[in-house]
Amino acid sequence: MIVDLRSDTVTKPTPAMKDAMFSAEVGDDVFGEDPTIKSLEKKCADILGMEAAVFCPSGTMTNQIGIKILTQPYDEVICYKGAHIYKYEGGGLAGNSNIGTKLLTGDRGRISVEEIEPVIGNINDVHQARTSVVALENTVVREAGSYYTLDQIKKISEFSRSKGMAMHLDGARLFNALAETKENPVEFGKYFDTISICLSKGLGTPIGSVLVCKKELELKARRIRKVFGGGMRQAGFLAAAGIYALDNHITRLKEDHHRAKELGNILRKLNWVKSVMPVDTNIVIFEVRDGLTPEKCLVKFAENQIKALPFSASEIRLVTHLDFNDAMLDKTITAFTKFSF
């Protein structure tokens, strides 16, 4: 039994999801003729309380489109220093949008008005870039799935908009956050201009993300999607997987969180582990003891058919997901407790 904890992107479609995909009605989406994609886009917009949505191949694409349609070249975006849009999207902010970044530390990646206010560029000073967007990430992948509450988001959004800045949300794992806060997702549309949600992480589809946005931004988003090479044709088969996931895989996210917390609790007791970040959702990040490297640990993991990712020079990341069950949890815990280095 192979246990794959590298990411929640490694899941395979369930038999019921495959049935939904195989029976999907399709058409040419670039011509606006795929009814299943239209249904998915409307569903996502309705869930998040916004008017429009655009289906794309990846979360990187939806993030990059979202930022691009809210900025002009030579602008800058404010975000957490470890934000996915900055750290893990291949320099796309600079390459795709020709903009700069103001990077903040935050509280486990959750930035605040107090941090944002001092770094806003002076729009009347030609020496400074125009700060046009504040981008949040929920959950924060680099900080073990920490999350914002809606009250925190509301405060940031109202302040940012009062300063003429737009709001983007990288909500790749937004439903993981909502599983913990129990907040109504429809409220999020009030506080953002663009929201990226990923269907192929916690929700378990084989591919796809959706950019949810204001209606006036939709055509621009579709144009940029085409420029980025994201215009798909009969992709309703993929959209059907997304609809199925939204209908069936959100409520089970708490199972992933429970298993992640179990792993975190065990790791804290092991002598080869130096520290474990707080486990809020489905991501576990831990630091190995001094003198030990993640690479050495991962060799031992592989010998026991356990896959994980090195996350820094001293850290390892584990991510629980749809295809990680209780038997795999037991196997992982048994292996971890037997390891000696």
C-alpha atoms as a PDB file:
ATOM      1  CA  MET A   1       0.000   0.000   0.000  1.00  0.00           C
ATOM      2  CA  ILE A   2       1.587   3.248  -1.192  1.00  0.00           C
ATOM      3  CA  VAL A   3       0.809   6.317   0.897  1.00  0.00           C
ATOM      4  CA  ASP A   4       1.132   9.558  -1.065  1.00  0.00           C
ATOM      5  CA  LEU A   5       1.208  12.666   1.119  1.00  0.00           C
ATOM      6  CA  ARG A   6       3.030  14.959  -1.303  1.00  0.00           C
ATOM      7  CA  SER A   7      -0.062  17.019  -2.111  1.00  0.00           C
ATOM      8  CA  ASP A   8      -3.841  16.921  -2.271  1.00  0.00           C
ATOM      9  CA  THR A   9      -3.433  17.172  -6.051  1.00  0.00           C
ATOM     10  CA  VAL A  10      -2.528  13.462  -6.320  1.00  0.00           C
ATOM     11  CA  THR A  11      -6.121  12.218  -5.928  1.00  0.00           C
ATOM     12  CA  LYS A  12      -7.841  10.159  -8.618  1.00  0.00           C
ATOM     13  CA  PRO A  13     -11.478  10.581  -9.719  1.00  0.00           C
ATOM     14  CA  THR A  14     -13.893   8.399  -7.783  1.00  0.00           C
ATOM     15  CA  PRO A  15     -16.086   5.941  -9.723  1.00  0.00           C
ATOM     16  CA  ALA A  16     -19.101   8.227  -9.240  1.00  0.00           C
ATOM     17  CA  MET A  17     -17.114  11.223 -10.479  1.00  0.00           C
ATOM     18  CA  LYS A  18     -16.078   9.243 -13.565  1.00  0.00           C
ATOM     19  CA  ASP A  19     -19.720   8.403 -14.244  1.00  0.00           C
ATOM     20  CA  ALA A  20     -20.585  12.109 -14.075  1.00  0.00           C
ATOM     21  CA  MET A  21     -17.743  12.922 -16.455  1.00  0.00           C
ATOM     22  CA  PHE A  22     -18.625  10.239 -18.989  1.00  0.00           C
ATOM     23  CA  SER A  23     -22.248  11.357 -19.156  1.00  0.00           C
ATOM     24  CA  ALA A  24     -21.527  15.100 -19.468  1.00  0.00           C
ATOM     25  CA  GLU A  25     -23.044  17.117 -22.279  1.00  0.00           C
ATOM     26  CA  VAL A  26     -20.302  19.096 -24.031  1.00  0.00           C
ATOM     27  CA  GLY A  27     -19.727  21.777 -26.643  1.00  0.00           C
ATOM     28  CA  ASP A  28     -17.045  24.260 -27.728  1.00  0.00           C
ATOM     29  CA  ASP A  29     -16.347  26.400 -24.674  1.00  0.00           C
ATOM     30  CA  VAL A  30     -14.359  29.083 -26.522  1.00  0.00           C
ATOM     31  CA  PHE A  31     -17.538  29.683 -28.524  1.00  0.00           C
ATOM     32  CA  GLY A  32     -19.471  29.684 -25.245  1.00  0.00           C
ATOM     33  CA  GLU A  33     -21.300  26.495 -26.227  1.00  0.00           C
ATOM     34  CA  ASP A  34     -20.370  23.986 -23.520  1.00  0.00           C
ATOM     35  CA  PRO A  35     -23.441  23.633 -21.270  1.00  0.00           C
ATOM     36  CA  THR A  36     -21.627  21.758 -18.512  1.00  0.00           C
ATOM     37  CA  ILE A  37     -18.934  24.409 -18.222  1.00  0.00           C
ATOM     38  CA  LYS A  38     -21.639  27.069 -18.123  1.00  0.00           C
ATOM     39  CA  SER A  39     -23.345  25.162 -15.296  1.00  0.00           C
ATOM     40  CA  LEU A  40     -20.078  24.886 -13.347  1.00  0.00           C
ATOM     41  CA  GLU A  41     -19.306  28.583 -13.790  1.00  0.00           C
ATOM     42  CA  LYS A  42     -22.778  29.628 -12.648  1.00  0.00           C
ATOM     43  CA  LYS A  43     -22.587  27.265  -9.696  1.00  0.00           C
ATOM     44  CA  CYS A  44     -19.232  28.700  -8.549  1.00  0.00           C
ATOM     45  CA  ALA A  45     -20.423  32.295  -8.982  1.00  0.00           C
ATOM     46  CA  ASP A  46     -23.593  31.567  -7.003  1.00  0.00           C
ATOM     47  CA  ILE A  47     -21.704  29.803  -4.215  1.00  0.00           C
ATOM     48  CA  LEU A  48     -19.421  32.803  -3.722  1.00  0.00           C
ATOM     49  CA  GLY A  49     -22.021  35.513  -4.235  1.00  0.00           C
ATOM     50  CA  MET A  50     -20.574  36.938  -7.456  1.00  0.00           C
ATOM     51  CA  GLU A  51     -21.911  37.475 -10.963  1.00  0.00           C
ATOM     52  CA  ALA A  52     -19.475  35.662 -13.247  1.00  0.00           C
ATOM     53  CA  ALA A  53     -16.912  32.868 -13.408  1.00  0.00           C
ATOM     54  CA  VAL A  54     -14.382  31.511 -15.907  1.00  0.00           C
ATOM     55  CA  PHE A  55     -13.234  27.862 -15.984  1.00  0.00           C
ATOM     56  CA  CYS A  56      -9.480  27.380 -16.464  1.00  0.00           C
ATOM     57  CA  PRO A  57      -6.983  24.500 -16.502  1.00  0.00           C
ATOM     58  CA  SER A  58      -5.094  25.467 -13.334  1.00  0.00           C
ATOM     59  CA  GLY A  59      -5.034  27.563 -10.192  1.00  0.00           C
ATOM     60  CA  THR A  60      -1.907  29.305 -11.365  1.00  0.00           C
ATOM     61  CA  MET A  61      -3.795  30.464 -14.446  1.00  0.00           C
ATOM     62  CA  THR A  62      -6.804  31.710 -12.481  1.00  0.00           C
ATOM     63  CA  ASN A  63      -4.530  33.580 -10.078  1.00  0.00           C
ATOM     64  CA  GLN A  64      -2.498  35.118 -12.873  1.00  0.00           C
ATOM     65  CA  ILE A  65      -5.601  36.166 -14.812  1.00  0.00           C
ATOM     66  CA  GLY A  66      -7.136  37.635 -11.672  1.00  0.00           C
ATOM     67  CA  ILE A  67      -4.105  39.776 -10.940  1.00  0.00           C
ATOM     68  CA  LYS A  68      -3.637  40.823 -14.559  1.00  0.00           C
ATOM     69  CA  ILE A  69      -7.184  42.106 -15.043  1.00  0.00           C
ATOM     70  CA  LEU A  70      -6.908  44.203 -11.873  1.00  0.00           C
ATOM     71  CA  THR A  71      -3.562  45.854 -12.658  1.00  0.00           C
ATOM     72  CA  GLN A  72      -1.632  47.870 -15.202  1.00  0.00           C
ATOM     73  CA  PRO A  73       2.078  47.462 -15.989  1.00  0.00           C
ATOM     74  CA  TYR A  74       4.311  49.127 -13.373  1.00  0.00           C
ATOM     75  CA  ASP A  75       1.697  48.689 -10.640  1.00  0.00           C
ATOM     76  CA  GLU A  76       2.390  46.609  -7.558  1.00  0.00           C
ATOM     77  CA  VAL A  77       0.462  44.080  -5.482  1.00  0.00           C
ATOM     78  CA  ILE A  78       0.616  43.641  -1.723  1.00  0.00           C
ATOM     79  CA  CYS A  79       0.739  40.038  -0.482  1.00  0.00           C
ATOM     80  CA  TYR A  80       2.296  37.679   2.048  1.00  0.00           C
ATOM     81  CA  LYS A  81       6.000  37.018   1.385  1.00  0.00           C
ATOM     82  CA  GLY A  82       5.340  33.292   0.946  1.00  0.00           C
ATOM     83  CA  ALA A  83       2.149  33.691  -1.082  1.00  0.00           C
ATOM     84  CA  HIS A  84       1.581  31.158  -3.839  1.00  0.00           C
ATOM     85  CA  ILE A  85       1.088  33.921  -6.426  1.00  0.00           C
ATOM     86  CA  TYR A  86       4.577  35.210  -5.611  1.00  0.00           C
ATOM     87  CA  LYS A  87       6.608  32.169  -4.577  1.00  0.00           C
ATOM     88  CA  TYR A  88       5.186  29.254  -6.547  1.00  0.00           C
ATOM     89  CA  GLU A  89       3.946  30.589  -9.890  1.00  0.00           C
ATOM     90  CA  GLY A  90       7.179  30.900 -11.804  1.00  0.00           C
ATOM     91  CA  GLY A  91       7.570  34.674 -11.577  1.00  0.00           C
ATOM     92  CA  GLY A  92       4.216  35.159 -13.277  1.00  0.00           C
ATOM     93  CA  LEU A  93       3.429  38.464 -11.581  1.00  0.00           C
ATOM     94  CA  ALA A  94       6.471  40.032 -13.223  1.00  0.00           C
ATOM     95  CA  GLY A  95       6.241  38.156 -16.507  1.00  0.00           C
ATOM     96  CA  ASN A  96       2.501  38.176 -17.124  1.00  0.00           C
ATOM     97  CA  SER A  97       1.455  41.451 -15.549  1.00  0.00           C
ATOM     98  CA  ASN A  98       4.720  43.404 -15.479  1.00  0.00           C
ATOM     99  CA  ILE A  99       4.126  44.445 -11.882  1.00  0.00           C
ATOM    100  CA  GLY A 100       6.068  44.551  -8.629  1.00  0.00           C
ATOM    101  CA  THR A 101       5.272  43.223  -5.170  1.00  0.00           C
ATOM    102  CA  LYS A 102       5.224  44.510  -1.617  1.00  0.00           C
ATOM    103  CA  LEU A 103       5.825  41.487   0.590  1.00  0.00           C
ATOM    104  CA  LEU A 104       4.519  41.262   4.150  1.00  0.00           C
ATOM    105  CA  THR A 105       5.229  38.781   6.952  1.00  0.00           C
ATOM    106  CA  GLY A 106       1.771  38.449   8.448  1.00  0.00           C
ATOM    107  CA  ASP A 107       0.665  36.206  11.281  1.00  0.00           C
ATOM    108  CA  ARG A 108       1.382  32.791   9.802  1.00  0.00           C
ATOM    109  CA  GLY A 109       0.830  34.366   6.408  1.00  0.00           C
ATOM    110  CA  ARG A 110      -2.315  36.283   7.338  1.00  0.00           C
ATOM    111  CA  ILE A 111      -1.603  39.923   6.625  1.00  0.00           C
ATOM    112  CA  SER A 112      -3.398  42.801   8.342  1.00  0.00           C
ATOM    113  CA  VAL A 113      -4.418  46.412   7.815  1.00  0.00           C
ATOM    114  CA  GLU A 114      -1.658  47.459  10.197  1.00  0.00           C
ATOM    115  CA  GLU A 115       0.936  45.904   7.873  1.00  0.00           C
ATOM    116  CA  ILE A 116      -0.710  47.020   4.644  1.00  0.00           C
ATOM    117  CA  GLU A 117      -1.177  50.713   5.405  1.00  0.00           C
ATOM    118  CA  PRO A 118       2.502  51.769   5.702  1.00  0.00           C
ATOM    119  CA  VAL A 119       3.558  50.155   2.394  1.00  0.00           C
ATOM    120  CA  ILE A 120       0.925  51.612   0.067  1.00  0.00           C
ATOM    121  CA  GLY A 121       2.602  53.606  -2.688  1.00  0.00           C
ATOM    122  CA  ASN A 122       1.948  57.341  -2.829  1.00  0.00           C
ATOM    123  CA  ILE A 123      -0.084  57.778  -5.997  1.00  0.00           C
ATOM    124  CA  ASN A 124       1.012  61.439  -6.234  1.00  0.00           C
ATOM    125  CA  ASP A 125       4.716  60.565  -6.168  1.00  0.00           C
ATOM    126  CA  VAL A 126       6.009  59.611  -9.618  1.00  0.00           C
ATOM    127  CA  HIS A 127       8.956  57.814  -7.983  1.00  0.00           C
ATOM    128  CA  GLN A 128       6.648  55.173  -6.514  1.00  0.00           C
ATOM    129  CA  ALA A 129       4.673  52.356  -8.062  1.00  0.00           C
ATOM    130  CA  ARG A 130       0.896  52.508  -7.880  1.00  0.00           C
ATOM    131  CA  THR A 131      -0.323  49.952  -5.353  1.00  0.00           C
ATOM    132  CA  SER A 132      -3.413  48.574  -7.038  1.00  0.00           C
ATOM    133  CA  VAL A 133      -4.227  45.193  -5.466  1.00  0.00           C
ATOM    134  CA  VAL A 134      -4.167  43.467  -2.102  1.00  0.00           C
ATOM    135  CA  ALA A 135      -4.006  39.691  -2.553  1.00  0.00           C
ATOM    136  CA  LEU A 136      -4.889  37.236   0.208  1.00  0.00           C
ATOM    137  CA  GLU A 137      -4.421  33.466   0.285  1.00  0.00           C
ATOM    138  CA  ASN A 138      -6.906  31.229   2.087  1.00  0.00           C
ATOM    139  CA  THR A 139      -5.719  28.751   3.247  1.00  0.00           C
ATOM    140  CA  VAL A 140      -2.035  29.726   3.387  1.00  0.00           C
ATOM    141  CA  VAL A 141      -0.112  26.790   1.949  1.00  0.00           C
ATOM    142  CA  ARG A 142       3.295  27.926   3.204  1.00  0.00           C
ATOM    143  CA  GLU A 143       1.994  28.225   6.765  1.00  0.00           C
ATOM    144  CA  ALA A 144       0.466  24.756   7.140  1.00  0.00           C
ATOM    145  CA  GLY A 145      -3.019  25.716   6.020  1.00  0.00           C
ATOM    146  CA  SER A 146      -3.650  28.664   8.315  1.00  0.00           C
ATOM    147  CA  TYR A 147      -6.812  30.559   7.410  1.00  0.00           C
ATOM    148  CA  TYR A 148      -8.557  33.917   7.644  1.00  0.00           C
ATOM    149  CA  THR A 149     -11.943  34.481   9.228  1.00  0.00           C
ATOM    150  CA  LEU A 150     -14.523  36.509   7.349  1.00  0.00           C
ATOM    151  CA  ASP A 151     -14.229  39.308   9.917  1.00  0.00           C
ATOM    152  CA  GLN A 152     -10.499  39.601   9.213  1.00  0.00           C
ATOM    153  CA  ILE A 153     -11.160  39.666   5.478  1.00  0.00           C
ATOM    154  CA  LYS A 154     -13.899  42.267   5.812  1.00  0.00           C
ATOM    155  CA  LYS A 155     -11.586  44.614   7.690  1.00  0.00           C
ATOM    156  CA  ILE A 156      -8.822  44.290   5.086  1.00  0.00           C
ATOM    157  CA  SER A 157     -11.224  44.661   2.157  1.00  0.00           C
ATOM    158  CA  GLU A 158     -12.983  47.748   3.466  1.00  0.00           C
ATOM    159  CA  PHE A 159      -9.670  49.441   4.221  1.00  0.00           C
ATOM    160  CA  SER A 160      -8.086  48.487   0.879  1.00  0.00           C
ATOM    161  CA  ARG A 161     -11.041  49.679  -1.152  1.00  0.00           C
ATOM    162  CA  SER A 162     -11.101  52.936   0.787  1.00  0.00           C
ATOM    163  CA  LYS A 163      -7.566  53.454  -0.537  1.00  0.00           C
ATOM    164  CA  GLY A 164      -8.558  52.655  -4.131  1.00  0.00           C
ATOM    165  CA  MET A 165      -7.100  49.144  -4.171  1.00  0.00           C
ATOM    166  CA  ALA A 166      -8.816  46.050  -5.567  1.00  0.00           C
ATOM    167  CA  MET A 167      -8.964  42.689  -3.765  1.00  0.00           C
ATOM    168  CA  HIS A 168      -7.897  39.273  -5.087  1.00  0.00           C
ATOM    169  CA  LEU A 169      -8.261  35.979  -3.233  1.00  0.00           C
ATOM    170  CA  ASP A 170      -6.170  32.920  -3.963  1.00  0.00           C
ATOM    171  CA  GLY A 171      -8.763  30.531  -2.599  1.00  0.00           C
ATOM    172  CA  ALA A 172      -7.176  27.324  -3.848  1.00  0.00           C
ATOM    173  CA  ARG A 173      -8.167  25.668  -0.560  1.00  0.00           C
ATOM    174  CA  LEU A 174     -10.949  28.070   0.427  1.00  0.00           C
ATOM    175  CA  PHE A 175     -13.345  25.220   1.155  1.00  0.00           C
ATOM    176  CA  ASN A 176     -10.837  23.794   3.634  1.00  0.00           C
ATOM    177  CA  ALA A 177     -10.976  27.106   5.489  1.00  0.00           C
ATOM    178  CA  LEU A 178     -14.775  27.143   5.372  1.00  0.00           C
ATOM    179  CA  ALA A 179     -14.900  23.604   6.761  1.00  0.00           C
ATOM    180  CA  GLU A 180     -13.296  25.035   9.909  1.00  0.00           C
ATOM    181  CA  THR A 181     -14.971  28.448  10.171  1.00  0.00           C
ATOM    182  CA  LYS A 182     -18.473  27.284   9.087  1.00  0.00           C
ATOM    183  CA  GLU A 183     -18.910  30.666   7.398  1.00  0.00           C
ATOM    184  CA  ASN A 184     -21.238  31.203   4.438  1.00  0.00           C
ATOM    185  CA  PRO A 185     -19.187  31.283   1.203  1.00  0.00           C
ATOM    186  CA  VAL A 186     -21.713  33.615  -0.437  1.00  0.00           C
ATOM    187  CA  GLU A 187     -20.387  36.405   1.799  1.00  0.00           C
ATOM    188  CA  PHE A 188     -16.967  36.325   0.141  1.00  0.00           C
ATOM    189  CA  GLY A 189     -18.225  37.959  -3.027  1.00  0.00           C
ATOM    190  CA  LYS A 190     -18.758  41.202  -1.111  1.00  0.00           C
ATOM    191  CA  TYR A 191     -15.097  41.590  -0.296  1.00  0.00           C
ATOM    192  CA  PHE A 192     -13.211  40.560  -3.445  1.00  0.00           C
ATOM    193  CA  ASP A 193     -13.067  41.595  -7.082  1.00  0.00           C
ATOM    194  CA  THR A 194     -11.607  38.262  -8.173  1.00  0.00           C
ATOM    195  CA  ILE A 195     -11.505  34.871  -6.426  1.00  0.00           C
ATOM    196  CA  SER A 196      -9.569  31.826  -7.607  1.00  0.00           C
ATOM    197  CA  ILE A 197     -10.815  28.428  -6.426  1.00  0.00           C
ATOM    198  CA  CYS A 198      -9.105  25.137  -7.248  1.00  0.00           C
ATOM    199  CA  LEU A 199     -11.127  22.006  -7.905  1.00  0.00           C
ATOM    200  CA  SER A 200      -8.165  19.607  -8.171  1.00  0.00           C
ATOM    201  CA  LYS A 201      -6.838  19.933  -4.628  1.00  0.00           C
ATOM    202  CA  GLY A 202      -9.086  19.170  -1.660  1.00  0.00           C
ATOM    203  CA  LEU A 203     -12.127  18.626  -3.867  1.00  0.00           C
ATOM    204  CA  GLY A 204     -10.417  15.863  -5.809  1.00  0.00           C
ATOM    205  CA  THR A 205     -11.067  16.573  -9.494  1.00  0.00           C
ATOM    206  CA  PRO A 206      -8.442  15.580 -12.097  1.00  0.00           C
ATOM    207  CA  ILE A 207      -7.996  19.120 -13.414  1.00  0.00           C
ATOM    208  CA  GLY A 208      -9.444  22.605 -13.237  1.00  0.00           C
ATOM    209  CA  SER A 209      -9.820  25.877 -11.378  1.00  0.00           C
ATOM    210  CA  VAL A 210     -12.381  28.656 -11.626  1.00  0.00           C
ATOM    211  CA  LEU A 211     -11.881  32.418 -11.519  1.00  0.00           C
ATOM    212  CA  VAL A 212     -14.971  34.007  -9.983  1.00  0.00           C
ATOM    213  CA  CYS A 213     -15.282  37.724 -10.654  1.00  0.00           C
ATOM    214  CA  LYS A 214     -17.463  40.769 -11.107  1.00  0.00           C
ATOM    215  CA  LYS A 215     -19.521  40.731 -14.302  1.00  0.00           C
ATOM    216  CA  GLU A 216     -17.670  43.705 -15.753  1.00  0.00           C
ATOM    217  CA  LEU A 217     -14.404  41.766 -15.524  1.00  0.00           C
ATOM    218  CA  GLU A 218     -15.614  38.592 -17.234  1.00  0.00           C
ATOM    219  CA  LEU A 219     -14.851  39.468 -20.867  1.00  0.00           C
ATOM    220  CA  LYS A 220     -11.395  40.713 -19.951  1.00  0.00           C
ATOM    221  CA  ALA A 221     -10.760  37.519 -18.003  1.00  0.00           C
ATOM    222  CA  ARG A 222     -11.825  35.386 -20.971  1.00  0.00           C
ATOM    223  CA  ARG A 223      -9.590  37.358 -23.292  1.00  0.00           C
ATOM    224  CA  ILE A 224      -6.588  36.895 -21.011  1.00  0.00           C
ATOM    225  CA  ARG A 225      -7.405  33.197 -20.634  1.00  0.00           C
ATOM    226  CA  LYS A 226      -7.205  32.915 -24.427  1.00  0.00           C
ATOM    227  CA  VAL A 227      -3.894  34.805 -24.502  1.00  0.00           C
ATOM    228  CA  PHE A 228      -2.490  32.487 -21.811  1.00  0.00           C
ATOM    229  CA  GLY A 229      -3.500  29.432 -23.858  1.00  0.00           C
ATOM    230  CA  GLY A 230      -6.288  28.409 -21.512  1.00  0.00           C
ATOM    231  CA  GLY A 231      -9.155  28.370 -23.975  1.00  0.00           C
ATOM    232  CA  MET A 232     -10.375  24.763 -23.920  1.00  0.00           C
ATOM    233  CA  ARG A 233     -12.895  23.243 -26.277  1.00  0.00           C
ATOM    234  CA  GLN A 234     -15.108  20.282 -25.268  1.00  0.00           C
ATOM    235  CA  ALA A 235     -13.965  20.497 -21.665  1.00  0.00           C
ATOM    236  CA  GLY A 236     -17.365  19.820 -20.131  1.00  0.00           C
ATOM    237  CA  PHE A 237     -16.103  16.378 -19.132  1.00  0.00           C
ATOM    238  CA  LEU A 238     -13.723  18.153 -16.750  1.00  0.00           C
ATOM    239  CA  ALA A 239     -16.356  20.622 -15.596  1.00  0.00           C
ATOM    240  CA  ALA A 240     -18.665  17.732 -14.739  1.00  0.00           C
ATOM    241  CA  ALA A 241     -16.022  16.476 -12.319  1.00  0.00           C
ATOM    242  CA  GLY A 242     -16.005  19.927 -10.719  1.00  0.00           C
ATOM    243  CA  ILE A 243     -19.784  19.974 -10.320  1.00  0.00           C
ATOM    244  CA  TYR A 244     -19.694  16.517  -8.762  1.00  0.00           C
ATOM    245  CA  ALA A 245     -16.913  17.571  -6.376  1.00  0.00           C
ATOM    246  CA  LEU A 246     -18.749  20.697  -5.257  1.00  0.00           C
ATOM    247  CA  ASP A 247     -21.878  18.641  -4.601  1.00  0.00           C
ATOM    248  CA  ASN A 248     -20.194  15.706  -2.846  1.00  0.00           C
ATOM    249  CA  HIS A 249     -16.676  16.432  -1.599  1.00  0.00           C
ATOM    250  CA  ILE A 250     -16.950  19.592   0.492  1.00  0.00           C
ATOM    251  CA  THR A 251     -18.509  18.106   3.620  1.00  0.00           C
ATOM    252  CA  ARG A 252     -15.857  15.372   3.833  1.00  0.00           C
ATOM    253  CA  LEU A 253     -12.944  17.856   4.078  1.00  0.00           C
ATOM    254  CA  LYS A 254     -13.128  17.673   7.870  1.00  0.00           C
ATOM    255  CA  GLU A 255     -11.978  14.040   7.584  1.00  0.00           C
ATOM    256  CA  ASP A 256      -8.750  15.236   5.954  1.00  0.00           C
ATOM    257  CA  HIS A 257      -8.280  17.811   8.691  1.00  0.00           C
ATOM    258  CA  HIS A 258      -8.777  15.213  11.423  1.00  0.00           C
ATOM    259  CA  ARG A 259      -6.165  12.905   9.904  1.00  0.00           C
ATOM    260  CA  ALA A 260      -3.720  15.785   9.443  1.00  0.00           C
ATOM    261  CA  LYS A 261      -4.095  16.744  13.094  1.00  0.00           C
ATOM    262  CA  GLU A 262      -3.476  13.130  14.115  1.00  0.00           C
ATOM    263  CA  LEU A 263      -0.237  13.155  12.139  1.00  0.00           C
ATOM    264  CA  GLY A 264       0.773  16.446  13.733  1.00  0.00           C
ATOM    265  CA  ASN A 265       0.128  15.085  17.229  1.00  0.00           C
ATOM    266  CA  ILE A 266       2.283  12.002  16.603  1.00  0.00           C
ATOM    267  CA  LEU A 267       5.123  13.970  15.015  1.00  0.00           C
ATOM    268  CA  ARG A 268       5.378  16.233  18.069  1.00  0.00           C
ATOM    269  CA  LYS A 269       6.261  13.190  20.173  1.00  0.00           C
ATOM    270  CA  LEU A 270       9.085  11.884  17.977  1.00  0.00           C
ATOM    271  CA  ASN A 271      12.751  12.482  18.773  1.00  0.00           C
ATOM    272  CA  TRP A 272      13.700  13.011  15.119  1.00  0.00           C
ATOM    273  CA  VAL A 273      11.264  15.910  14.817  1.00  0.00           C
ATOM    274  CA  LYS A 274      12.329  19.338  16.098  1.00  0.00           C
ATOM    275  CA  SER A 275       9.025  21.187  15.742  1.00  0.00           C
ATOM    276  CA  VAL A 276       5.611  21.021  14.054  1.00  0.00           C
ATOM    277  CA  MET A 277       3.640  24.015  12.806  1.00  0.00           C
ATOM    278  CA  PRO A 278       0.087  24.297  14.147  1.00  0.00           C
ATOM    279  CA  VAL A 279      -2.142  22.060  12.008  1.00  0.00           C
ATOM    280  CA  ASP A 280      -5.274  24.011  11.118  1.00  0.00           C
ATOM    281  CA  THR A 281      -6.568  22.177   8.064  1.00  0.00           C
ATOM    282  CA  ASN A 282      -5.067  19.425   5.866  1.00  0.00           C
ATOM    283  CA  ILE A 283      -1.401  20.488   5.693  1.00  0.00           C
ATOM    284  CA  VAL A 284       1.328  19.352   8.095  1.00  0.00           C
ATOM    285  CA  ILE A 285       4.729  21.061   8.003  1.00  0.00           C
ATOM    286  CA  PHE A 286       7.392  19.932  10.412  1.00  0.00           C
ATOM    287  CA  GLU A 287      11.079  20.600  11.007  1.00  0.00           C
ATOM    288  CA  VAL A 288      13.520  17.729  11.476  1.00  0.00           C
ATOM    289  CA  ARG A 289      15.977  17.779  14.338  1.00  0.00           C
ATOM    290  CA  ASP A 290      19.349  19.509  14.060  1.00  0.00           C
ATOM    291  CA  GLY A 291      21.881  17.462  12.128  1.00  0.00           C
ATOM    292  CA  LEU A 292      19.194  15.622  10.169  1.00  0.00           C
ATOM    293  CA  THR A 293      18.021  16.546   6.664  1.00  0.00           C
ATOM    294  CA  PRO A 294      14.630  16.154   4.995  1.00  0.00           C
ATOM    295  CA  GLU A 295      16.316  14.165   2.224  1.00  0.00           C
ATOM    296  CA  LYS A 296      17.620  11.567   4.670  1.00  0.00           C
ATOM    297  CA  CYS A 297      14.180  11.242   6.223  1.00  0.00           C
ATOM    298  CA  LEU A 298      12.494  10.884   2.852  1.00  0.00           C
ATOM    299  CA  VAL A 299      14.739   7.943   1.963  1.00  0.00           C
ATOM    300  CA  LYS A 300      13.383   6.158   5.029  1.00  0.00           C
ATOM    301  CA  PHE A 301       9.855   7.231   4.083  1.00  0.00           C
ATOM    302  CA  ALA A 302      10.299   5.755   0.592  1.00  0.00           C
ATOM    303  CA  GLU A 303      11.533   2.444   2.023  1.00  0.00           C
ATOM    304  CA  ASN A 304       8.155   2.266   3.769  1.00  0.00           C
ATOM    305  CA  GLN A 305       6.205   3.317   0.660  1.00  0.00           C
ATOM    306  CA  ILE A 306       5.391   6.760   2.043  1.00  0.00           C
ATOM    307  CA  LYS A 307       5.759   9.792  -0.218  1.00  0.00           C
ATOM    308  CA  ALA A 308       6.244  13.353   1.060  1.00  0.00           C
ATOM    309  CA  LEU A 309       7.870  16.612  -0.044  1.00  0.00           C
ATOM    310  CA  PRO A 310      10.903  18.468   1.283  1.00  0.00           C
ATOM    311  CA  PHE A 311       9.642  21.976   1.974  1.00  0.00           C
ATOM    312  CA  SER A 312      12.835  23.778   2.950  1.00  0.00           C
ATOM    313  CA  ALA A 313      16.374  22.921   4.042  1.00  0.00           C
ATOM    314  CA  SER A 314      14.966  21.593   7.304  1.00  0.00           C
ATOM    315  CA  GLU A 315      11.228  21.017   6.707  1.00  0.00           C
ATOM    316  CA  ILE A 316       8.983  18.299   5.301  1.00  0.00           C
ATOM    317  CA  ARG A 317       5.376  18.758   4.164  1.00  0.00           C
ATOM    318  CA  LEU A 318       2.544  16.239   4.373  1.00  0.00           C
ATOM    319  CA  VAL A 319      -0.911  16.874   2.880  1.00  0.00           C
ATOM    320  CA  THR A 320      -3.952  14.730   3.606  1.00  0.00           C
ATOM    321  CA  HIS A 321      -6.637  14.256   0.981  1.00  0.00           C
ATOM    322  CA  LEU A 322      -9.494  12.249  -0.516  1.00  0.00           C
ATOM    323  CA  ASP A 323      -7.288   9.211  -1.263  1.00  0.00           C
ATOM    324  CA  PHE A 324      -5.648   9.069   2.184  1.00  0.00           C
ATOM    325  CA  ASN A 325      -7.760   6.859   4.422  1.00  0.00           C
ATOM    326  CA  ASP A 326      -7.619   5.570   8.006  1.00  0.00           C
ATOM    327  CA  ALA A 327      -5.634   2.462   7.038  1.00  0.00           C
ATOM    328  CA  MET A 328      -3.011   4.686   5.430  1.00  0.00           C
ATOM    329  CA  LEU A 329      -3.009   6.917   8.492  1.00  0.00           C
ATOM    330  CA  ASP A 330      -2.345   3.916  10.717  1.00  0.00           C
ATOM    331  CA  LYS A 331       0.433   2.687   8.443  1.00  0.00           C
ATOM    332  CA  THR A 332       2.070   6.142   8.423  1.00  0.00           C
ATOM    333  CA  ILE A 333       1.884   6.541  12.192  1.00  0.00           C
ATOM    334  CA  THR A 334       3.304   3.046  12.742  1.00  0.00           C
ATOM    335  CA  ALA A 335       6.202   3.753  10.384  1.00  0.00           C
ATOM    336  CA  PHE A 336       6.965   7.167  11.869  1.00  0.00           C
ATOM    337  CA  THR A 337       7.090   5.836  15.413  1.00  0.00           C
ATOM    338  CA  LYS A 338       9.546   3.089  14.404  1.00  0.00           C
ATOM    339  CA  PHE A 339      11.964   5.357  12.535  1.00  0.00           C
ATOM    340  CA  SER A 340      15.387   5.953  14.055  1.00  0.00           C
ATOM    341  CA  PHE A 341      18.083   8.175  12.606  1.00  0.00           C
END
